[in-house]
Amino acid sequence: MPTLQFKTNINCGGCIARVTPRLNEVKGIRSWKVDTDNPDKILTVETEMLSNEPIIEAVKKVGFNIQPLQ
């Protein structure tokens, strides 16, 4: 199962609550988490062969910055 990572500005529980419905709607995501303790606020996504684009689109729709780490 591929793992994708992104640098974001999702920095607190409230931010995670805002992005949760959007990420949960993306087909192919098995699980995801945001490391808010990391200065780069790393979003890690476990997928079923999903590209970066649906994840980036979902996060940007809620108003957050996101860029792939790889």
C-alpha atoms as a PDB file:
ATOM      1  CA  MET A   1       0.000   0.000   0.000  1.00  0.00           C
ATOM      2  CA  PRO A   2       1.643   3.273  -1.094  1.00  0.00           C
ATOM      3  CA  THR A   3       2.257   6.039   1.417  1.00  0.00           C
ATOM      4  CA  LEU A   4       2.183   9.659   0.269  1.00  0.00           C
ATOM      5  CA  GLN A   5       3.491  12.573   2.344  1.00  0.00           C
ATOM      6  CA  PHE A   6       2.808  16.283   2.101  1.00  0.00           C
ATOM      7  CA  LYS A   7       3.955  19.467   3.805  1.00  0.00           C
ATOM      8  CA  THR A   8       0.904  21.436   5.002  1.00  0.00           C
ATOM      9  CA  ASN A   9      -0.164  24.252   7.289  1.00  0.00           C
ATOM     10  CA  ILE A  10      -2.710  22.062   9.141  1.00  0.00           C
ATOM     11  CA  ASN A  11      -1.501  22.942  12.627  1.00  0.00           C
ATOM     12  CA  CYS A  12      -4.132  22.144  15.268  1.00  0.00           C
ATOM     13  CA  GLY A  13      -7.075  19.957  16.182  1.00  0.00           C
ATOM     14  CA  GLY A  14      -9.516  22.489  14.758  1.00  0.00           C
ATOM     15  CA  CYS A  15      -7.690  22.436  11.430  1.00  0.00           C
ATOM     16  CA  ILE A  16      -7.773  18.637  11.407  1.00  0.00           C
ATOM     17  CA  ALA A  17     -11.514  18.741  12.111  1.00  0.00           C
ATOM     18  CA  ARG A  18     -12.013  21.060   9.109  1.00  0.00           C
ATOM     19  CA  VAL A  19     -10.060  18.853   6.701  1.00  0.00           C
ATOM     20  CA  THR A  20     -11.389  15.491   7.956  1.00  0.00           C
ATOM     21  CA  PRO A  21     -14.667  15.411   5.966  1.00  0.00           C
ATOM     22  CA  ARG A  22     -12.866  16.288   2.703  1.00  0.00           C
ATOM     23  CA  LEU A  23     -10.109  13.707   3.106  1.00  0.00           C
ATOM     24  CA  ASN A  24     -12.591  11.052   4.174  1.00  0.00           C
ATOM     25  CA  GLU A  25     -14.491  11.613   0.897  1.00  0.00           C
ATOM     26  CA  VAL A  26     -11.442  10.862  -1.294  1.00  0.00           C
ATOM     27  CA  LYS A  27     -11.757   7.385  -2.812  1.00  0.00           C
ATOM     28  CA  GLY A  28      -8.721   5.180  -2.272  1.00  0.00           C
ATOM     29  CA  ILE A  29      -7.510   6.632   1.026  1.00  0.00           C
ATOM     30  CA  ARG A  30      -7.153   3.888   3.624  1.00  0.00           C
ATOM     31  CA  SER A  31      -5.954   6.158   6.436  1.00  0.00           C
ATOM     32  CA  TRP A  32      -4.335   9.519   7.029  1.00  0.00           C
ATOM     33  CA  LYS A  33      -2.815  11.551   9.850  1.00  0.00           C
ATOM     34  CA  VAL A  34      -1.201  14.935  10.359  1.00  0.00           C
ATOM     35  CA  ASP A  35       1.905  15.315  12.525  1.00  0.00           C
ATOM     36  CA  THR A  36       1.155  18.709  14.054  1.00  0.00           C
ATOM     37  CA  ASP A  37       4.313  18.454  16.216  1.00  0.00           C
ATOM     38  CA  ASN A  38       6.510  18.473  13.102  1.00  0.00           C
ATOM     39  CA  PRO A  39       7.389  22.027  11.985  1.00  0.00           C
ATOM     40  CA  ASP A  40       6.328  21.068   8.427  1.00  0.00           C
ATOM     41  CA  LYS A  41       2.932  19.719   9.623  1.00  0.00           C
ATOM     42  CA  ILE A  42       3.375  16.490   7.649  1.00  0.00           C
ATOM     43  CA  LEU A  43       0.229  14.841   6.270  1.00  0.00           C
ATOM     44  CA  THR A  44       0.811  11.099   5.740  1.00  0.00           C
ATOM     45  CA  VAL A  45      -1.721   9.231   3.609  1.00  0.00           C
ATOM     46  CA  GLU A  46      -1.974   5.447   3.149  1.00  0.00           C
ATOM     47  CA  THR A  47      -3.559   4.816  -0.238  1.00  0.00           C
ATOM     48  CA  GLU A  48      -4.630   2.231  -2.778  1.00  0.00           C
ATOM     49  CA  MET A  49      -2.456   3.459  -5.679  1.00  0.00           C
ATOM     50  CA  LEU A  50      -3.821   7.000  -5.513  1.00  0.00           C
ATOM     51  CA  SER A  51      -2.093   9.967  -7.122  1.00  0.00           C
ATOM     52  CA  ASN A  52      -1.275  13.173  -5.234  1.00  0.00           C
ATOM     53  CA  GLU A  53      -3.859  15.286  -7.048  1.00  0.00           C
ATOM     54  CA  PRO A  54      -7.106  14.210  -5.304  1.00  0.00           C
ATOM     55  CA  ILE A  55      -5.477  14.706  -1.904  1.00  0.00           C
ATOM     56  CA  ILE A  56      -4.046  18.107  -2.810  1.00  0.00           C
ATOM     57  CA  GLU A  57      -7.398  19.199  -4.230  1.00  0.00           C
ATOM     58  CA  ALA A  58      -9.301  18.080  -1.107  1.00  0.00           C
ATOM     59  CA  VAL A  59      -6.958  19.933   1.272  1.00  0.00           C
ATOM     60  CA  LYS A  60      -6.897  23.110  -0.836  1.00  0.00           C
ATOM     61  CA  LYS A  61     -10.723  23.191  -0.992  1.00  0.00           C
ATOM     62  CA  VAL A  62     -10.763  23.673   2.773  1.00  0.00           C
ATOM     63  CA  GLY A  63      -8.257  26.524   2.494  1.00  0.00           C
ATOM     64  CA  PHE A  64      -4.988  24.901   3.552  1.00  0.00           C
ATOM     65  CA  ASN A  65      -1.615  24.932   1.819  1.00  0.00           C
ATOM     66  CA  ILE A  66      -0.213  21.571   0.723  1.00  0.00           C
ATOM     67  CA  GLN A  67       2.736  20.376  -1.315  1.00  0.00           C
ATOM     68  CA  PRO A  68       4.131  16.873  -1.943  1.00  0.00           C
ATOM     69  CA  LEU A  69       7.312  15.901  -0.135  1.00  0.00           C
ATOM     70  CA  GLN A  70       8.408  13.424  -2.826  1.00  0.00           C
END
